[in-house]
Amino acid sequence: MLIRSQNSHSHVCTIGTTLSFMAVRSADRSSTPSSESTLKSLAVSTSTHLTPNLPALSPVTPLTADSDADSNGTNTQTLVPPQSNPTDTSRNTATTPTISSVSMTSTASEKEKAGDKFFGKMRRKTSFYIPNSSSDKSSSSSKGNTSSFVEKIKTYENLAMFLTSRPQEALYFFVNIGRQFLWADYTLQTRPALSCLQLKDAFVTCHDVNPLTRENMETVLGFSSGDIMIYSPISGKYVRKNKQRPMNRYSVTCIKWMPGSENLFIAGFGDGTVLILDKDRDDTPTVAPVSTDANTGFTVSKPTKSAQKHNPVAHWALSKRLITSIQFSPDSIHVAITSLDGCLRILDYTQDKLLDTCSSYFGGLLCCAWSPDGKYVATGGEDDLVTVWTFGGKIIARCQGHSSWVTGVAFDAYNCTERNYRIGSVSDDTKLCLWDFSSSSLHKPRSSRKSRVEQEKNSSSITHPVLGKKQVAILEPFLCESIHNEPLSFVAFREDAIVTADRVGAIKFWGRPSV
């Protein structure tokens, strides 16, 4: 998930590895970034809600960072991926899940070398590991915990000194993998991660960093158990919501802070419901319907009079299938939500109002993204297509190029203008595809003959019918290349690089293509 600013759109994928950064700008280099900073965040997450039976991750031994050169002579900093504790002979290393590491391989495969022709050299190849206080007591410290939910919180021993020594503009990243949530320095000046939250049983499925909470980098995390946590990686303090699951008993599949709010956040669940919650309110299971759309079944429920000061702030019965993505529009008024029922829903969340429902060609939708101007929404899903919709729900193009499920999609804000747009998408086929389109230049297929009454009826309905292949313009990618060895799950655009990640945790930064 990429948060560019308070009112910006974001990029997220709920399957596999997603990446994010936090830039901290200090007004005074002598002051601590936690009190004198402006934050921009992009959060790294490995979601596991579709594979909830992953085994627990074993402790790992801290390993040193090396500096090596790639095949082109460019120096890259590399940390060896996490490995099982060598003293633990009872664990079969063959069963350790590869999803337990976030890494850049130091040697390029044939696919990666082919990608280099298009994307240039990888900017950075790296991995990080979980700090292990027992084997590296000088680097990290472990905070004891009596919680039945949290196993331990490990922090970099010289964290306060390190934060005050950071330059005026510092960059951090966050990642959740299995039962761990980590905060790390992007430059990898510290050998361990800056902090690591380790859970006992639940898997972290999603998270989001609030760019407004400058003092403590307040982060909201969702879990496979249905629990929600508000956590500060700086202080190590946390508060749990939906404890013992009074509001929803299904896994949290995606989560976001509400734009411009320090208290409110939105969470999607495995049963297709969406909750708006306040971090400062207590939870209650007592809600009552306040409105129901007879055509779509969309039902809004809120706490009863006796529980008006409790969570949830709002309960949306949106779908009967798992929620896969929640993305806010640039105007911070509308929200796009996709689910495994194959529907993209656009809502005005300030009024709890469903505006449009659009269906995939077939299968579930897995991801979505807004254009920088908010005029278009791109979706990807199990039909192997990237579909482009207008804000009003009209389909304008289907993008063909992938041969498997599309798991991540993003607009390239640095290559979008008032008329022209660029989209990037990644898929289980290990490919990254780039698409350029202009609504004025799209070939419009000959529409089928319909009566004027039927056309007017469809245009006024909030539920838009699925159009056939011959009724929608087809776009071909101008670039489509296999760049990872494993199924991809995340793509984001930065000013100087394209960032991709796959399901086993490999994260790569590519130079921008020359086209």
Protein backbone atom coordinates (compact mmCIF):
# COMPACT_ATOMS: atom_id res chain seq x y z
CA MET A 1 0.00 0.00 0.00
CA LEU A 2 1.47 3.32 -1.02
CA ILE A 3 0.30 6.50 0.69
CA ARG A 4 1.72 9.52 -1.07
CA SER A 5 0.07 12.14 1.12
CA GLN A 6 -2.94 12.75 3.31
CA ASN A 7 -5.29 12.97 0.33
CA SER A 8 -3.52 10.67 -2.05
CA HIS A 9 -4.50 7.38 -3.57
CA SER A 10 -2.82 4.20 -2.49
CA HIS A 11 -1.52 0.99 -3.94
CA VAL A 12 -2.12 -2.33 -2.30
CA CYS A 13 -2.35 -5.99 -2.97
CA THR A 14 -3.87 -8.39 -0.48
CA ILE A 15 -2.19 -11.56 -1.72
CA GLY A 16 1.49 -12.27 -1.19
CA THR A 17 4.09 -9.58 -0.51
CA THR A 18 3.31 -5.86 -0.65
CA LEU A 19 5.84 -3.12 0.03
CA SER A 20 5.80 0.33 1.59
CA PHE A 21 8.12 3.10 2.69
CA MET A 22 7.93 5.91 5.21
CA ALA A 23 9.86 9.10 4.53
CA VAL A 24 10.54 11.16 7.65
CA ARG A 25 11.54 14.76 7.17
CA SER A 26 12.94 16.47 10.25
CA ALA A 27 12.76 20.25 10.58
CA ASP A 28 15.83 20.16 12.84
CA ARG A 29 18.45 17.45 12.41
CA SER A 30 19.22 17.62 16.12
CA SER A 31 15.62 16.78 17.06
CA THR A 32 14.12 13.32 17.04
CA PRO A 33 12.21 12.39 13.89
CA SER A 34 9.31 11.17 15.99
CA SER A 35 8.47 14.70 17.12
CA GLU A 36 9.58 16.89 14.21
CA SER A 37 8.59 15.01 11.11
CA THR A 38 6.29 14.84 8.16
CA LEU A 39 5.48 11.29 7.15
CA LYS A 40 4.78 9.69 3.84
CA SER A 41 4.18 5.98 4.05
CA LEU A 42 4.12 2.96 1.82
CA ALA A 43 3.68 -0.22 3.89
CA VAL A 44 5.23 -3.69 3.20
CA SER A 45 3.02 -6.65 3.90
CA THR A 46 2.88 -10.34 3.17
CA SER A 47 -0.77 -11.33 3.44
CA THR A 48 -1.67 -14.83 4.52
CA HIS A 49 -5.45 -14.73 4.78
CA LEU A 50 -5.81 -17.02 1.79
CA THR A 51 -3.29 -19.47 3.25
CA PRO A 52 -4.10 -19.43 6.98
CA ASN A 53 -2.45 -22.78 7.73
CA LEU A 54 1.15 -21.61 7.32
CA PRO A 55 3.38 -22.98 10.09
CA ALA A 56 4.95 -20.70 12.67
CA LEU A 57 8.23 -19.05 11.75
CA SER A 58 11.22 -20.26 13.72
CA PRO A 59 13.76 -17.95 15.37
CA VAL A 60 16.60 -16.89 13.11
CA THR A 61 20.23 -16.11 13.68
CA PRO A 62 21.34 -12.54 12.84
CA LEU A 63 23.68 -12.49 9.87
CA THR A 64 26.05 -9.80 8.72
CA ALA A 65 25.52 -7.51 5.77
CA ASP A 66 27.76 -7.87 2.78
CA SER A 67 28.51 -5.55 -0.10
CA ASP A 68 28.89 -7.27 -3.45
CA ALA A 69 28.72 -6.36 -7.10
CA ASP A 70 26.20 -7.47 -9.68
CA SER A 71 27.06 -8.72 -13.13
CA ASN A 72 27.35 -5.12 -14.34
CA GLY A 73 29.77 -4.11 -11.61
CA THR A 74 27.25 -2.12 -9.61
CA ASN A 75 27.70 -2.44 -5.86
CA THR A 76 24.62 -3.66 -4.02
CA GLN A 77 24.08 -4.17 -0.33
CA THR A 78 22.87 -7.62 0.60
CA LEU A 79 21.70 -9.21 3.83
CA VAL A 80 21.43 -12.98 3.88
CA PRO A 81 17.78 -14.09 4.14
CA PRO A 82 16.48 -15.39 7.48
CA GLN A 83 17.48 -18.97 8.29
CA SER A 84 16.40 -21.37 11.01
CA ASN A 85 18.40 -21.39 14.24
CA PRO A 86 21.24 -23.87 13.61
CA THR A 87 21.03 -25.12 17.21
CA ASP A 88 17.43 -26.21 16.70
CA THR A 89 17.86 -29.71 15.31
CA SER A 90 14.27 -30.69 15.99
CA ARG A 91 12.93 -28.54 13.18
CA ASN A 92 12.92 -29.90 9.66
CA THR A 93 14.31 -27.08 7.53
CA ALA A 94 12.64 -28.51 4.45
CA THR A 95 9.25 -27.55 5.89
CA THR A 96 10.21 -23.95 6.66
CA PRO A 97 8.00 -21.77 4.43
CA THR A 98 9.81 -19.60 1.91
CA ILE A 99 7.29 -16.88 2.72
CA SER A 100 9.28 -16.29 5.91
CA SER A 101 11.82 -14.03 4.19
CA VAL A 102 11.77 -10.78 2.29
CA SER A 103 14.79 -10.76 0.06
CA MET A 104 16.55 -9.79 -3.10
CA THR A 105 18.57 -12.57 -4.61
CA SER A 106 22.16 -11.52 -5.25
CA THR A 107 22.45 -13.48 -8.47
CA ALA A 108 20.15 -12.75 -11.39
CA SER A 109 18.36 -15.58 -13.14
CA GLU A 110 17.78 -15.69 -16.88
CA LYS A 111 14.36 -14.13 -16.35
CA GLU A 112 15.87 -11.33 -14.29
CA LYS A 113 18.59 -10.70 -16.87
CA ALA A 114 15.90 -10.45 -19.52
CA GLY A 115 14.11 -7.95 -17.32
CA ASP A 116 17.30 -5.90 -17.00
CA LYS A 117 17.18 -5.23 -20.74
CA PHE A 118 13.90 -3.41 -20.25
CA PHE A 119 14.19 -2.01 -16.74
CA GLY A 120 17.90 -1.37 -16.37
CA LYS A 121 19.91 -2.42 -13.34
CA MET A 122 18.15 -3.32 -10.13
CA ARG A 123 18.57 -0.35 -7.85
CA ARG A 124 19.01 -2.46 -4.76
CA LYS A 125 19.09 -6.12 -3.80
CA THR A 126 18.55 -6.82 -0.16
CA SER A 127 16.87 -8.83 2.54
CA PHE A 128 16.50 -8.36 6.26
CA TYR A 129 16.20 -10.68 9.18
CA ILE A 130 14.46 -10.80 12.55
CA PRO A 131 16.72 -9.53 15.35
CA ASN A 132 17.70 -12.29 17.76
CA SER A 133 18.70 -10.92 21.16
CA SER A 134 20.02 -14.26 22.42
CA SER A 135 22.71 -14.44 19.76
CA ASP A 136 23.34 -10.72 19.22
CA LYS A 137 22.75 -9.01 22.55
CA SER A 138 24.69 -5.94 21.53
CA SER A 139 22.40 -5.22 18.59
CA SER A 140 18.90 -5.76 19.92
CA SER A 141 16.90 -6.06 23.10
CA SER A 142 13.77 -8.07 23.82
CA LYS A 143 10.85 -6.76 25.83
CA GLY A 144 9.18 -9.37 28.01
CA ASN A 145 5.45 -9.86 27.46
CA THR A 146 2.77 -11.66 29.45
CA SER A 147 0.14 -11.30 26.72
CA SER A 148 -1.56 -14.39 25.35
CA PHE A 149 -1.51 -12.75 21.90
CA VAL A 150 1.95 -11.15 21.59
CA GLU A 151 5.00 -13.34 22.13
CA LYS A 152 7.64 -10.61 22.30
CA ILE A 153 8.70 -7.25 20.94
CA LYS A 154 12.33 -6.90 19.92
CA THR A 155 13.88 -3.49 19.37
CA TYR A 156 17.25 -2.23 18.19
CA GLU A 157 19.24 -1.50 21.33
CA ASN A 158 20.49 1.90 20.17
CA LEU A 159 17.18 2.93 18.60
CA ALA A 160 16.91 6.38 20.23
CA MET A 161 20.49 7.27 19.31
CA PHE A 162 20.02 5.97 15.80
CA LEU A 163 16.84 8.00 15.21
CA THR A 164 18.44 11.25 16.37
CA SER A 165 21.45 10.63 14.12
CA ARG A 166 19.35 10.16 10.98
CA PRO A 167 19.68 12.78 8.20
CA GLN A 168 17.07 15.45 7.58
CA GLU A 169 15.17 13.10 5.28
CA ALA A 170 15.07 9.48 6.37
CA LEU A 171 13.33 6.52 4.77
CA TYR A 172 11.92 3.48 6.54
CA PHE A 173 9.90 0.47 5.50
CA PHE A 174 7.52 -1.93 7.20
CA VAL A 175 6.76 -5.56 6.49
CA ASN A 176 4.53 -8.24 7.93
CA ILE A 177 5.48 -11.85 7.28
CA GLY A 178 3.76 -14.75 8.93
CA ARG A 179 3.61 -13.98 12.65
CA GLN A 180 6.05 -11.05 12.53
CA PHE A 181 5.70 -7.33 11.87
CA LEU A 182 8.96 -5.45 11.33
CA TRP A 183 10.11 -1.86 11.03
CA ALA A 184 13.45 -1.38 9.26
CA ASP A 185 15.75 1.32 8.01
CA TYR A 186 15.68 1.56 4.23
CA THR A 187 19.40 2.30 3.97
CA LEU A 188 20.17 -0.82 6.07
CA GLN A 189 22.67 1.10 8.20
CA THR A 190 21.57 -1.07 11.11
CA ARG A 191 22.23 -4.79 10.87
CA PRO A 192 18.99 -5.81 12.64
CA ALA A 193 15.53 -4.47 11.93
CA LEU A 194 14.70 -1.48 14.14
CA SER A 195 11.87 -3.40 15.77
CA CYS A 196 10.05 -6.70 15.45
CA LEU A 197 6.63 -7.58 16.82
CA GLN A 198 6.22 -11.37 17.13
CA LEU A 199 2.80 -12.98 17.61
CA LYS A 200 2.09 -16.30 19.32
CA ASP A 201 -0.61 -17.80 17.12
CA ALA A 202 -2.21 -15.29 14.74
CA PHE A 203 -0.81 -14.33 11.33
CA VAL A 204 -0.55 -10.66 10.37
CA THR A 205 -2.59 -10.36 7.18
CA CYS A 206 -2.46 -6.59 6.51
CA HIS A 207 -1.40 -3.27 7.98
CA ASP A 208 -1.44 0.47 7.35
CA VAL A 209 0.67 3.31 8.76
CA ASN A 210 -1.09 6.57 9.62
CA PRO A 211 0.79 9.52 8.05
CA LEU A 212 -0.81 11.94 10.53
CA THR A 213 0.51 10.35 13.72
CA ARG A 214 4.01 11.76 13.50
CA GLU A 215 4.86 11.20 17.15
CA ASN A 216 4.70 7.41 17.15
CA MET A 217 4.15 6.14 13.58
CA GLU A 218 0.83 4.65 14.63
CA THR A 219 0.08 1.49 12.67
CA VAL A 220 -3.11 -0.56 12.44
CA LEU A 221 -2.70 -4.30 11.86
CA GLY A 222 -5.21 -6.98 10.90
CA PHE A 223 -4.86 -10.66 11.80
CA SER A 224 -6.03 -14.04 10.59
CA SER A 225 -7.74 -14.50 13.96
CA GLY A 226 -10.01 -11.50 13.35
CA ASP A 227 -8.15 -9.36 15.88
CA ILE A 228 -7.09 -5.79 15.11
CA MET A 229 -4.17 -4.00 16.75
CA ILE A 230 -3.17 -0.34 16.97
CA TYR A 231 0.58 -0.46 17.44
CA SER A 232 3.46 2.01 17.71
CA PRO A 233 6.80 0.55 16.57
CA ILE A 234 8.63 3.37 18.33
CA SER A 235 7.17 2.93 21.81
CA GLY A 236 6.17 -0.72 21.49
CA LYS A 237 2.73 0.03 22.95
CA TYR A 238 -0.37 -1.53 21.44
CA VAL A 239 -4.13 -1.81 21.90
CA ARG A 240 -6.27 -4.70 20.59
CA LYS A 241 -9.68 -4.36 18.97
CA ASN A 242 -12.23 -7.07 18.21
CA LYS A 243 -10.66 -9.08 21.02
CA GLN A 244 -12.49 -12.40 21.32
CA ARG A 245 -14.20 -11.31 18.07
CA PRO A 246 -17.41 -9.65 19.31
CA MET A 247 -17.87 -7.65 16.09
CA ASN A 248 -16.73 -10.16 13.46
CA ARG A 249 -15.38 -13.71 13.77
CA TYR A 250 -13.67 -13.89 10.35
CA SER A 251 -10.11 -13.00 9.33
CA VAL A 252 -9.22 -9.38 8.64
CA THR A 253 -8.23 -9.31 4.96
CA CYS A 254 -7.47 -5.61 4.36
CA ILE A 255 -7.26 -2.50 6.50
CA LYS A 256 -6.80 1.26 5.98
CA TRP A 257 -6.76 4.45 8.00
CA MET A 258 -9.55 6.80 6.94
CA PRO A 259 -8.13 9.79 5.04
CA GLY A 260 -7.41 12.79 7.26
CA SER A 261 -8.26 10.96 10.49
CA GLU A 262 -6.06 10.00 13.42
CA ASN A 263 -8.76 7.82 14.97
CA LEU A 264 -10.92 6.17 12.31
CA PHE A 265 -9.96 3.20 10.16
CA ILE A 266 -11.76 0.74 7.88
CA ALA A 267 -11.36 -3.03 7.81
CA GLY A 268 -12.54 -5.72 5.38
CA PHE A 269 -13.24 -9.27 6.53
CA GLY A 270 -13.36 -12.77 5.13
CA ASP A 271 -17.16 -12.90 5.20
CA GLY A 272 -17.55 -9.86 2.91
CA THR A 273 -18.40 -7.33 5.60
CA VAL A 274 -16.65 -4.00 6.13
CA LEU A 275 -16.37 -2.20 9.48
CA ILE A 276 -15.49 1.42 10.20
CA LEU A 277 -13.88 1.61 13.63
CA ASP A 278 -12.58 4.20 16.07
CA LYS A 279 -9.34 3.33 17.85
CA ASP A 280 -10.54 5.11 21.02
CA ARG A 281 -13.89 3.32 21.34
CA ASP A 282 -14.73 0.07 23.05
CA ASP A 283 -16.22 -2.79 21.04
CA THR A 284 -19.81 -3.98 21.07
CA PRO A 285 -21.63 -6.70 19.12
CA THR A 286 -24.88 -4.73 19.28
CA VAL A 287 -25.71 -3.14 15.92
CA ALA A 288 -29.00 -2.58 14.14
CA PRO A 289 -29.73 -2.00 10.42
CA VAL A 290 -30.40 1.64 9.53
CA SER A 291 -30.72 1.27 5.74
CA THR A 292 -30.93 -1.48 3.11
CA ASP A 293 -30.76 -1.24 -0.68
CA ALA A 294 -33.45 -3.55 -2.02
CA ASN A 295 -31.69 -3.98 -5.38
CA THR A 296 -28.14 -4.71 -4.20
CA GLY A 297 -28.71 -5.96 -0.67
CA PHE A 298 -26.21 -3.41 0.66
CA THR A 299 -27.08 -2.96 4.33
CA VAL A 300 -25.69 -0.33 6.70
CA SER A 301 -25.90 -1.07 10.42
CA LYS A 302 -24.86 1.06 13.38
CA PRO A 303 -24.72 0.64 17.15
CA THR A 304 -28.01 0.85 19.03
CA LYS A 305 -28.82 3.85 21.22
CA SER A 306 -27.38 2.16 24.28
CA ALA A 307 -24.07 1.58 22.48
CA GLN A 308 -23.67 4.71 20.34
CA LYS A 309 -20.25 5.46 21.80
CA HIS A 310 -18.94 2.01 20.93
CA ASN A 311 -17.47 0.32 17.86
CA PRO A 312 -18.26 -0.25 15.09
CA VAL A 313 -18.94 3.27 13.86
CA ALA A 314 -20.57 1.62 10.84
CA HIS A 315 -21.13 -1.97 9.66
CA TRP A 316 -21.49 -2.59 5.92
CA ALA A 317 -22.91 -5.88 4.66
CA LEU A 318 -21.28 -5.48 1.27
CA SER A 319 -20.67 -8.97 -0.11
CA LYS A 320 -20.93 -12.65 0.78
CA ARG A 321 -17.33 -13.32 -0.28
CA LEU A 322 -13.94 -12.24 1.04
CA ILE A 323 -12.98 -8.54 0.70
CA THR A 324 -9.70 -8.34 -1.24
CA SER A 325 -8.88 -4.63 -1.55
CA ILE A 326 -9.90 -1.24 -0.13
CA GLN A 327 -8.62 1.91 -1.84
CA PHE A 328 -9.55 5.54 -1.19
CA SER A 329 -9.95 8.05 -4.01
CA PRO A 330 -7.73 11.13 -4.30
CA ASP A 331 -10.64 13.35 -3.18
CA SER A 332 -10.81 11.39 0.10
CA ILE A 333 -14.59 11.02 -0.25
CA HIS A 334 -14.99 7.82 -2.21
CA VAL A 335 -13.69 4.31 -1.66
CA ALA A 336 -13.26 1.42 -4.10
CA ILE A 337 -13.71 -2.08 -2.69
CA THR A 338 -13.16 -5.39 -4.49
CA SER A 339 -14.10 -8.88 -3.39
CA LEU A 340 -13.99 -12.50 -4.47
CA ASP A 341 -17.58 -12.26 -5.73
CA GLY A 342 -16.11 -10.47 -8.77
CA CYS A 343 -17.53 -7.04 -7.97
CA LEU A 344 -15.95 -3.61 -7.80
CA ARG A 345 -18.03 -1.35 -5.59
CA ILE A 346 -17.66 2.42 -5.39
CA LEU A 347 -19.04 4.07 -2.27
CA ASP A 348 -19.35 7.53 -0.79
CA TYR A 349 -18.17 6.52 2.66
CA THR A 350 -19.08 9.93 4.18
CA GLN A 351 -22.75 9.09 3.54
CA ASP A 352 -22.59 5.26 3.72
CA LYS A 353 -23.91 5.21 0.17
CA LEU A 354 -23.24 2.65 -2.57
CA LEU A 355 -22.79 4.46 -5.89
CA ASP A 356 -21.76 1.80 -8.44
CA THR A 357 -21.32 -1.96 -8.70
CA CYS A 358 -19.26 -3.32 -11.59
CA SER A 359 -18.60 -7.00 -12.35
CA SER A 360 -15.51 -8.73 -13.68
CA TYR A 361 -15.57 -10.70 -16.92
CA PHE A 362 -15.48 -13.78 -14.71
CA GLY A 363 -14.03 -14.81 -11.37
CA GLY A 364 -13.10 -12.75 -8.34
CA LEU A 365 -11.39 -9.37 -8.29
CA LEU A 366 -8.15 -9.26 -6.30
CA CYS A 367 -6.90 -5.66 -6.49
CA CYS A 368 -7.80 -2.14 -7.53
CA ALA A 369 -6.23 1.31 -7.87
CA TRP A 370 -7.41 4.87 -8.55
CA SER A 371 -5.92 7.11 -11.22
CA PRO A 372 -4.17 10.19 -9.76
CA ASP A 373 -7.05 12.45 -10.87
CA GLY A 374 -9.73 10.10 -9.59
CA LYS A 375 -11.40 9.72 -13.00
CA TYR A 376 -10.62 6.01 -13.43
CA VAL A 377 -10.34 2.82 -11.40
CA ALA A 378 -8.26 -0.14 -12.57
CA THR A 379 -8.95 -3.67 -11.30
CA GLY A 380 -7.24 -7.02 -11.67
CA GLY A 381 -8.47 -10.48 -10.89
CA GLU A 382 -9.03 -14.12 -11.69
CA ASP A 383 -10.04 -13.42 -15.30
CA ASP A 384 -6.34 -12.62 -16.05
CA LEU A 385 -7.40 -9.11 -17.10
CA VAL A 386 -6.74 -5.56 -16.04
CA THR A 387 -10.03 -3.70 -16.47
CA VAL A 388 -10.32 0.10 -16.59
CA TRP A 389 -13.53 1.74 -15.40
CA THR A 390 -14.66 5.35 -15.28
CA PHE A 391 -15.66 6.81 -11.93
CA GLY A 392 -19.32 6.41 -12.97
CA GLY A 393 -18.92 2.66 -13.49
CA LYS A 394 -18.55 2.58 -17.28
CA ILE A 395 -16.01 0.05 -18.57
CA ILE A 396 -13.68 1.61 -21.13
CA ALA A 397 -11.02 -1.07 -21.71
CA ARG A 398 -9.84 -4.56 -20.90
CA CYS A 399 -6.08 -5.04 -20.85
CA GLN A 400 -4.89 -8.44 -22.12
CA GLY A 401 -1.35 -9.66 -21.56
CA HIS A 402 -1.24 -11.84 -18.46
CA SER A 403 -1.71 -15.59 -18.48
CA SER A 404 -2.71 -15.97 -14.84
CA TRP A 405 -4.48 -14.11 -12.04
CA VAL A 406 -3.68 -10.40 -11.79
CA THR A 407 -2.67 -9.80 -8.17
CA GLY A 408 -1.47 -6.19 -8.18
CA VAL A 409 -2.24 -3.04 -10.15
CA ALA A 410 -1.12 0.58 -9.86
CA PHE A 411 -1.23 3.84 -11.81
CA ASP A 412 2.11 5.45 -12.53
CA ALA A 413 1.47 8.96 -11.21
CA TYR A 414 4.76 10.17 -12.71
CA ASN A 415 3.62 9.23 -16.22
CA CYS A 416 -0.02 10.30 -16.05
CA THR A 417 -1.31 13.54 -17.52
CA GLU A 418 -4.77 15.05 -17.98
CA ARG A 419 -5.31 12.90 -21.07
CA ASN A 420 -2.83 10.04 -20.94
CA TYR A 421 -2.43 7.37 -18.29
CA ARG A 422 0.00 4.57 -17.50
CA ILE A 423 -0.88 1.42 -15.54
CA GLY A 424 1.38 -1.30 -14.19
CA SER A 425 0.15 -4.77 -13.26
CA VAL A 426 1.68 -7.95 -11.85
CA SER A 427 0.41 -11.49 -11.89
CA ASP A 428 0.89 -15.08 -10.82
CA ASP A 429 2.58 -15.56 -14.21
CA THR A 430 5.67 -13.68 -12.80
CA LYS A 431 5.18 -10.90 -15.35
CA LEU A 432 5.06 -7.14 -15.02
CA CYS A 433 3.02 -5.44 -17.73
CA LEU A 434 2.86 -1.74 -18.51
CA TRP A 435 -0.08 -0.19 -20.32
CA ASP A 436 -0.64 3.28 -21.77
CA PHE A 437 -4.10 4.52 -22.64
CA SER A 438 -5.99 7.67 -23.51
CA SER A 439 -9.78 7.64 -23.32
CA SER A 440 -10.02 9.74 -26.47
CA SER A 441 -7.87 7.34 -28.53
CA LEU A 442 -9.40 4.04 -27.41
CA HIS A 443 -10.94 2.05 -30.20
CA LYS A 444 -14.63 1.81 -29.44
CA PRO A 445 -16.10 -1.49 -30.70
CA ARG A 446 -19.44 -1.47 -32.43
CA SER A 447 -22.11 -1.61 -29.75
CA SER A 448 -24.95 -4.09 -29.91
CA ARG A 449 -28.35 -2.78 -30.91
CA LYS A 450 -30.45 -1.88 -27.90
CA SER A 451 -33.57 0.13 -27.48
CA ARG A 452 -33.24 3.65 -26.15
CA VAL A 453 -35.32 2.66 -23.11
CA GLU A 454 -32.94 -0.21 -22.27
CA GLN A 455 -29.89 2.03 -22.67
CA GLU A 456 -31.38 4.66 -20.39
CA LYS A 457 -32.27 1.98 -17.84
CA ASN A 458 -28.70 0.65 -17.76
CA SER A 459 -27.19 4.12 -17.55
CA SER A 460 -29.34 5.03 -14.52
CA SER A 461 -28.73 1.77 -12.62
CA ILE A 462 -25.94 1.51 -10.06
CA THR A 463 -25.42 -2.14 -11.02
CA HIS A 464 -23.65 -2.32 -14.36
CA PRO A 465 -24.02 -5.44 -16.54
CA VAL A 466 -21.06 -7.46 -17.78
CA LEU A 467 -20.23 -6.57 -21.38
CA GLY A 468 -19.02 -9.09 -23.93
CA LYS A 469 -15.59 -9.09 -25.54
CA LYS A 470 -16.81 -7.38 -28.69
CA GLN A 471 -18.36 -4.54 -26.73
CA VAL A 472 -15.19 -3.38 -24.95
CA ALA A 473 -11.93 -1.96 -26.30
CA ILE A 474 -8.90 -4.26 -25.89
CA LEU A 475 -5.51 -2.90 -24.86
CA GLU A 476 -2.20 -4.67 -25.39
CA PRO A 477 0.76 -3.87 -23.10
CA PHE A 478 3.68 -1.95 -24.54
CA LEU A 479 5.92 -3.88 -22.16
CA CYS A 480 5.36 -7.33 -20.65
CA GLU A 481 8.26 -9.20 -19.09
CA SER A 482 8.80 -12.03 -16.61
CA ILE A 483 11.07 -10.52 -13.95
CA HIS A 484 10.71 -12.83 -10.92
CA ASN A 485 10.97 -16.57 -10.43
CA GLU A 486 7.85 -16.73 -8.25
CA PRO A 487 4.27 -15.44 -8.63
CA LEU A 488 4.16 -11.67 -8.22
CA SER A 489 1.89 -9.91 -5.76
CA PHE A 490 2.83 -6.22 -5.63
CA VAL A 491 3.78 -3.30 -7.84
CA ALA A 492 4.33 0.37 -7.03
CA PHE A 493 5.82 3.34 -8.83
CA ARG A 494 8.37 5.68 -7.36
CA GLU A 495 9.90 8.66 -9.09
CA ASP A 496 13.14 6.85 -9.88
CA ALA A 497 12.11 3.20 -9.82
CA ILE A 498 9.46 0.54 -10.24
CA VAL A 499 9.06 -1.68 -7.17
CA THR A 500 7.91 -5.29 -7.46
CA ALA A 501 7.53 -8.10 -4.95
CA ASP A 502 6.59 -11.77 -5.13
CA ARG A 503 4.86 -14.21 -2.83
CA VAL A 504 8.02 -15.66 -1.32
CA GLY A 505 9.22 -12.22 -0.26
CA ALA A 506 11.65 -11.11 -3.00
CA ILE A 507 11.49 -7.32 -3.39
CA LYS A 508 13.14 -5.62 -6.35
CA PHE A 509 13.71 -2.00 -7.32
CA TRP A 510 14.03 -1.47 -11.07
CA GLY A 511 15.33 1.48 -13.01
CA ARG A 512 12.57 3.03 -15.08
CA PRO A 513 12.23 1.85 -18.70
CA SER A 514 13.41 4.21 -21.40
CA VAL A 515 10.11 3.91 -23.32
